[in-house]
């Protein structure tokens, strides 16, 4: 597989893991030092994200992506993507289109 194909595969695996709350795959794909913004605007860590799924604070009803653009420099790929999301986070309904920028880096033959 080309690097771009590998990144697309990681993106698809990440989306499916988010959709079904697969903690094992999320743990595998997310780097331990990751921080990111969720649709409520809160910045969270990997541990917080996994706990949100484990505890049921985050419930995904529907998620899909469009407009994915990938830019690669050596062993780093940046992905700009639009996410259509229907979910509930800590009792708050989330229903909208959100833009995300993800950065993937190769660590010991594994994209994170």
N, C-alpha and C. Protein backbone atom coordinates (compact mmCIF):
# COMPACT_ATOMS: atom_id res chain seq x y z
N UNK A 1 0.84 -1.20 0.00
CA UNK A 1 0.00 0.00 0.00
C UNK A 1 0.88 1.25 0.00
N UNK A 2 0.43 2.26 -0.72
CA UNK A 2 1.13 3.54 -0.67
C UNK A 2 0.86 4.20 0.67
N UNK A 3 1.64 5.23 0.99
CA UNK A 3 1.42 5.94 2.25
C UNK A 3 0.02 6.55 2.30
N UNK A 4 -0.43 7.12 1.19
CA UNK A 4 -1.77 7.71 1.18
C UNK A 4 -2.84 6.64 1.41
N UNK A 5 -2.68 5.47 0.82
CA UNK A 5 -3.63 4.38 1.04
C UNK A 5 -3.62 3.93 2.50
N UNK A 6 -2.45 3.91 3.12
CA UNK A 6 -2.35 3.55 4.53
C UNK A 6 -3.08 4.57 5.40
N UNK A 7 -2.94 5.85 5.06
CA UNK A 7 -3.60 6.91 5.83
C UNK A 7 -5.12 6.81 5.65
N UNK A 8 -5.58 6.56 4.44
CA UNK A 8 -7.02 6.38 4.20
C UNK A 8 -7.53 5.20 5.02
N UNK A 9 -6.77 4.11 5.07
CA UNK A 9 -7.15 2.96 5.87
C UNK A 9 -7.24 3.34 7.35
N UNK A 10 -6.26 4.08 7.86
CA UNK A 10 -6.30 4.54 9.26
C UNK A 10 -7.51 5.44 9.51
N UNK A 11 -7.78 6.34 8.59
CA UNK A 11 -8.94 7.22 8.72
C UNK A 11 -10.24 6.41 8.78
N UNK A 12 -10.35 5.41 7.92
CA UNK A 12 -11.56 4.57 7.91
C UNK A 12 -11.68 3.76 9.20
N UNK A 13 -10.57 3.22 9.68
CA UNK A 13 -10.58 2.46 10.93
C UNK A 13 -10.94 3.37 12.10
N UNK A 14 -10.40 4.60 12.10
CA UNK A 14 -10.71 5.55 13.16
C UNK A 14 -12.20 5.90 13.15
N UNK A 15 -12.74 6.17 11.99
CA UNK A 15 -14.16 6.52 11.88
C UNK A 15 -15.04 5.37 12.38
N UNK A 16 -14.71 4.15 12.01
CA UNK A 16 -15.49 3.00 12.45
C UNK A 16 -15.36 2.81 13.97
N UNK A 17 -14.16 3.01 14.51
CA UNK A 17 -13.96 2.88 15.96
C UNK A 17 -14.76 3.93 16.72
N UNK A 18 -14.80 5.15 16.19
CA UNK A 18 -15.60 6.21 16.81
C UNK A 18 -17.08 5.82 16.75
N UNK A 19 -17.51 5.34 15.58
CA UNK A 19 -18.91 5.00 15.36
C UNK A 19 -19.41 3.95 16.35
N UNK A 20 -18.59 2.92 16.62
CA UNK A 20 -19.04 1.83 17.49
C UNK A 20 -18.43 1.88 18.89
N UNK A 21 -17.60 2.91 19.14
CA UNK A 21 -16.99 3.04 20.46
C UNK A 21 -15.98 1.94 20.75
N UNK A 22 -15.20 1.55 19.74
CA UNK A 22 -14.21 0.48 19.89
C UNK A 22 -12.95 1.02 20.58
N UNK A 23 -12.89 0.84 21.88
CA UNK A 23 -11.81 1.37 22.70
C UNK A 23 -10.47 0.78 22.31
N UNK A 24 -10.44 -0.49 21.96
CA UNK A 24 -9.18 -1.14 21.58
C UNK A 24 -8.56 -0.47 20.36
N UNK A 25 -9.37 -0.23 19.33
CA UNK A 25 -8.86 0.40 18.11
C UNK A 25 -8.51 1.87 18.37
N UNK A 26 -9.34 2.57 19.15
CA UNK A 26 -9.00 3.95 19.50
C UNK A 26 -7.66 4.01 20.22
N UNK A 27 -7.44 3.10 21.15
CA UNK A 27 -6.18 3.05 21.89
C UNK A 27 -5.01 2.78 20.96
N UNK A 28 -5.23 1.94 19.97
CA UNK A 28 -4.18 1.60 18.99
C UNK A 28 -3.84 2.79 18.09
N UNK A 29 -4.85 3.52 17.63
CA UNK A 29 -4.64 4.57 16.63
C UNK A 29 -4.27 5.93 17.22
N UNK A 30 -4.72 6.23 18.42
CA UNK A 30 -4.46 7.54 19.00
C UNK A 30 -3.13 7.53 19.76
N UNK A 31 -2.30 8.50 19.48
CA UNK A 31 -1.02 8.63 20.18
C UNK A 31 -1.28 9.01 21.64
N UNK A 32 -0.47 8.51 22.54
CA UNK A 32 -0.68 8.79 23.97
C UNK A 32 -0.65 10.28 24.30
N UNK A 33 0.05 11.09 23.51
CA UNK A 33 0.17 12.53 23.80
C UNK A 33 -0.81 13.39 23.03
N UNK A 34 -1.77 12.79 22.33
CA UNK A 34 -2.71 13.55 21.51
C UNK A 34 -3.58 14.49 22.35
N UNK A 35 -3.84 15.64 21.81
CA UNK A 35 -4.89 16.53 22.31
C UNK A 35 -5.72 16.94 21.10
N UNK A 36 -7.01 17.13 21.31
CA UNK A 36 -7.85 17.56 20.21
C UNK A 36 -9.11 18.21 20.75
N UNK A 37 -9.78 18.94 19.87
CA UNK A 37 -11.01 19.62 20.23
C UNK A 37 -12.20 18.78 19.77
N UNK A 38 -13.15 18.60 20.69
CA UNK A 38 -14.39 17.91 20.35
C UNK A 38 -15.42 18.96 19.94
N UNK A 39 -16.54 18.55 19.35
CA UNK A 39 -17.52 19.52 18.84
C UNK A 39 -18.03 20.53 19.86
N UNK A 40 -17.96 20.23 21.16
CA UNK A 40 -18.40 21.20 22.16
C UNK A 40 -17.38 22.32 22.35
N UNK A 41 -16.18 22.15 21.75
CA UNK A 41 -15.11 23.13 21.89
C UNK A 41 -14.11 22.77 22.97
N UNK A 42 -14.41 21.76 23.75
CA UNK A 42 -13.51 21.33 24.82
C UNK A 42 -12.29 20.63 24.23
N UNK A 43 -11.10 20.90 24.79
CA UNK A 43 -9.88 20.21 24.40
C UNK A 43 -9.69 19.04 25.34
N UNK A 44 -9.51 17.83 24.76
CA UNK A 44 -9.37 16.64 25.58
C UNK A 44 -8.14 15.83 25.17
N UNK A 45 -7.78 14.89 26.03
CA UNK A 45 -6.65 14.01 25.80
C UNK A 45 -7.14 12.63 25.35
N UNK A 46 -6.21 11.77 25.01
CA UNK A 46 -6.55 10.39 24.65
C UNK A 46 -7.26 9.70 25.81
N UNK A 47 -6.71 9.83 27.02
CA UNK A 47 -7.31 9.18 28.19
C UNK A 47 -8.74 9.66 28.42
N UNK A 48 -8.97 10.96 28.25
CA UNK A 48 -10.31 11.51 28.42
C UNK A 48 -11.25 10.97 27.35
N UNK A 49 -10.78 10.90 26.11
CA UNK A 49 -11.61 10.41 25.01
C UNK A 49 -12.01 8.96 25.24
N UNK A 50 -11.06 8.13 25.58
CA UNK A 50 -11.36 6.72 25.82
C UNK A 50 -12.32 6.56 27.00
N UNK A 51 -12.13 7.35 28.04
CA UNK A 51 -13.04 7.28 29.20
C UNK A 51 -14.45 7.74 28.81
N UNK A 52 -14.55 8.72 27.91
CA UNK A 52 -15.86 9.18 27.44
C UNK A 52 -16.64 8.04 26.78
N UNK A 53 -15.95 7.22 26.00
CA UNK A 53 -16.61 6.08 25.37
C UNK A 53 -16.89 4.98 26.39
N UNK A 54 -15.91 4.69 27.23
CA UNK A 54 -16.06 3.61 28.23
C UNK A 54 -17.23 3.89 29.18
N UNK A 55 -17.37 5.14 29.61
CA UNK A 55 -18.40 5.50 30.59
C UNK A 55 -19.77 5.78 29.97
N UNK A 56 -19.81 5.92 28.65
CA UNK A 56 -21.07 6.21 27.98
C UNK A 56 -21.39 7.69 27.90
N UNK A 57 -20.45 8.55 28.31
CA UNK A 57 -20.68 10.00 28.20
C UNK A 57 -20.84 10.40 26.73
N UNK A 58 -20.10 9.72 25.84
CA UNK A 58 -20.18 10.00 24.41
C UNK A 58 -20.95 8.88 23.73
N UNK A 59 -22.02 9.25 23.05
CA UNK A 59 -22.82 8.30 22.28
C UNK A 59 -22.93 8.82 20.86
N UNK A 60 -22.50 8.01 19.91
CA UNK A 60 -22.57 8.39 18.50
C UNK A 60 -23.81 7.76 17.88
N UNK A 61 -24.64 8.59 17.25
CA UNK A 61 -25.82 8.08 16.56
C UNK A 61 -25.53 7.91 15.07
N UNK A 62 -24.77 8.84 14.51
CA UNK A 62 -24.43 8.77 13.09
C UNK A 62 -23.18 9.61 12.86
N UNK A 63 -22.27 9.08 12.04
CA UNK A 63 -21.06 9.83 11.71
C UNK A 63 -20.62 9.44 10.30
N UNK A 64 -20.24 10.45 9.53
CA UNK A 64 -19.72 10.20 8.18
C UNK A 64 -18.78 11.35 7.84
N UNK A 65 -17.95 11.13 6.82
CA UNK A 65 -17.00 12.17 6.42
C UNK A 65 -17.15 12.50 4.94
N UNK A 66 -16.75 13.72 4.61
CA UNK A 66 -16.68 14.17 3.22
C UNK A 66 -15.47 15.07 3.10
N UNK A 67 -15.16 15.44 1.87
CA UNK A 67 -14.14 16.45 1.58
C UNK A 67 -12.79 16.15 2.23
N UNK A 68 -12.34 14.90 2.17
CA UNK A 68 -11.06 14.54 2.77
C UNK A 68 -9.92 14.93 1.84
N UNK A 69 -8.95 15.68 2.38
CA UNK A 69 -7.75 16.05 1.65
C UNK A 69 -6.55 15.60 2.47
N UNK A 70 -5.58 14.96 1.82
CA UNK A 70 -4.40 14.45 2.50
C UNK A 70 -3.16 15.11 1.91
N UNK A 71 -2.29 15.60 2.79
CA UNK A 71 -1.01 16.17 2.39
C UNK A 71 0.08 15.45 3.17
N UNK A 72 1.11 14.98 2.46
CA UNK A 72 2.15 14.17 3.08
C UNK A 72 3.52 14.81 2.91
N UNK A 73 4.28 14.80 4.01
CA UNK A 73 5.69 15.19 3.99
C UNK A 73 6.44 14.12 4.77
N UNK A 74 7.23 13.35 4.04
CA UNK A 74 8.00 12.24 4.62
C UNK A 74 7.10 11.30 5.41
N UNK A 75 7.33 11.14 6.73
CA UNK A 75 6.54 10.18 7.51
C UNK A 75 5.42 10.85 8.30
N UNK A 76 4.96 12.00 7.80
CA UNK A 76 3.86 12.72 8.44
C UNK A 76 2.82 13.04 7.37
N UNK A 77 1.56 12.76 7.70
CA UNK A 77 0.46 13.11 6.80
C UNK A 77 -0.57 13.92 7.57
N UNK A 78 -1.01 15.01 6.95
CA UNK A 78 -2.08 15.83 7.52
C UNK A 78 -3.35 15.56 6.72
N UNK A 79 -4.46 15.41 7.45
CA UNK A 79 -5.74 15.13 6.82
C UNK A 79 -6.73 16.22 7.24
N UNK A 80 -7.29 16.90 6.26
CA UNK A 80 -8.37 17.85 6.51
C UNK A 80 -9.64 17.14 6.07
N UNK A 81 -10.65 17.13 6.94
CA UNK A 81 -11.85 16.37 6.64
C UNK A 81 -13.07 17.06 7.26
N UNK A 82 -14.21 16.92 6.60
CA UNK A 82 -15.47 17.39 7.14
C UNK A 82 -16.19 16.18 7.74
N UNK A 83 -16.64 16.33 8.98
CA UNK A 83 -17.33 15.26 9.68
C UNK A 83 -18.78 15.67 9.90
N UNK A 84 -19.70 14.82 9.45
CA UNK A 84 -21.12 15.01 9.74
C UNK A 84 -21.43 14.14 10.95
N UNK A 85 -21.88 14.76 12.03
CA UNK A 85 -22.00 14.05 13.30
C UNK A 85 -23.34 14.30 13.97
N UNK A 86 -23.94 13.19 14.41
CA UNK A 86 -25.11 13.23 15.29
C UNK A 86 -24.73 12.40 16.50
N UNK A 87 -24.69 13.06 17.67
CA UNK A 87 -24.21 12.39 18.87
C UNK A 87 -24.77 13.06 20.11
N UNK A 88 -24.45 12.46 21.24
CA UNK A 88 -24.75 13.09 22.52
C UNK A 88 -23.49 13.02 23.36
N UNK A 89 -23.11 14.17 23.93
CA UNK A 89 -21.93 14.23 24.79
C UNK A 89 -22.35 14.85 26.12
N UNK A 90 -22.26 14.06 27.16
CA UNK A 90 -22.58 14.53 28.52
C UNK A 90 -23.95 15.20 28.56
N UNK A 91 -24.93 14.56 27.89
CA UNK A 91 -26.29 15.07 27.89
C UNK A 91 -26.58 16.14 26.85
N UNK A 92 -25.56 16.63 26.16
CA UNK A 92 -25.71 17.69 25.16
C UNK A 92 -25.79 17.07 23.77
N UNK A 93 -26.85 17.40 23.02
CA UNK A 93 -27.02 16.91 21.66
C UNK A 93 -26.06 17.65 20.74
N UNK A 94 -25.38 16.88 19.89
CA UNK A 94 -24.47 17.43 18.88
C UNK A 94 -25.01 16.98 17.53
N UNK A 95 -25.28 17.92 16.66
CA UNK A 95 -25.82 17.61 15.34
C UNK A 95 -25.33 18.66 14.37
N UNK A 96 -24.32 18.31 13.59
CA UNK A 96 -23.80 19.30 12.67
C UNK A 96 -22.64 18.81 11.84
N UNK A 97 -22.08 19.75 11.11
CA UNK A 97 -20.92 19.53 10.26
C UNK A 97 -19.73 20.18 10.94
N UNK A 98 -18.63 19.43 11.06
CA UNK A 98 -17.44 19.93 11.75
C UNK A 98 -16.22 19.67 10.89
N UNK A 99 -15.27 20.60 10.90
CA UNK A 99 -14.01 20.45 10.16
C UNK A 99 -12.94 20.01 11.15
N UNK A 100 -12.18 19.00 10.76
CA UNK A 100 -11.08 18.52 11.59
C UNK A 100 -9.80 18.50 10.78
N UNK A 101 -8.70 18.71 11.47
CA UNK A 101 -7.38 18.55 10.90
C UNK A 101 -6.67 17.51 11.76
N UNK A 102 -6.34 16.37 11.16
CA UNK A 102 -5.64 15.31 11.88
C UNK A 102 -4.24 15.19 11.33
N UNK A 103 -3.30 14.87 12.21
CA UNK A 103 -1.92 14.64 11.80
C UNK A 103 -1.56 13.21 12.16
N UNK A 104 -1.11 12.46 11.17
CA UNK A 104 -0.67 11.08 11.35
C UNK A 104 0.85 11.04 11.21
N UNK A 105 1.50 10.30 12.11
CA UNK A 105 2.95 10.12 12.05
C UNK A 105 3.24 8.64 12.25
N UNK A 106 4.26 8.17 11.56
CA UNK A 106 4.64 6.77 11.65
C UNK A 106 5.56 6.56 12.85
N UNK A 107 5.15 5.66 13.75
CA UNK A 107 5.91 5.27 14.94
C UNK A 107 6.09 3.76 14.91
N UNK A 108 7.32 3.28 14.76
CA UNK A 108 7.60 1.84 14.78
C UNK A 108 6.64 1.06 13.87
N UNK A 109 6.53 1.50 12.62
CA UNK A 109 5.68 0.85 11.62
C UNK A 109 4.19 0.91 11.91
N UNK A 110 3.78 1.86 12.75
CA UNK A 110 2.37 2.00 13.08
C UNK A 110 1.99 3.48 13.03
N UNK A 111 0.92 3.78 12.29
CA UNK A 111 0.45 5.17 12.17
C UNK A 111 -0.34 5.55 13.42
N UNK A 112 -0.03 6.71 13.95
CA UNK A 112 -0.75 7.24 15.12
C UNK A 112 -1.16 8.66 14.79
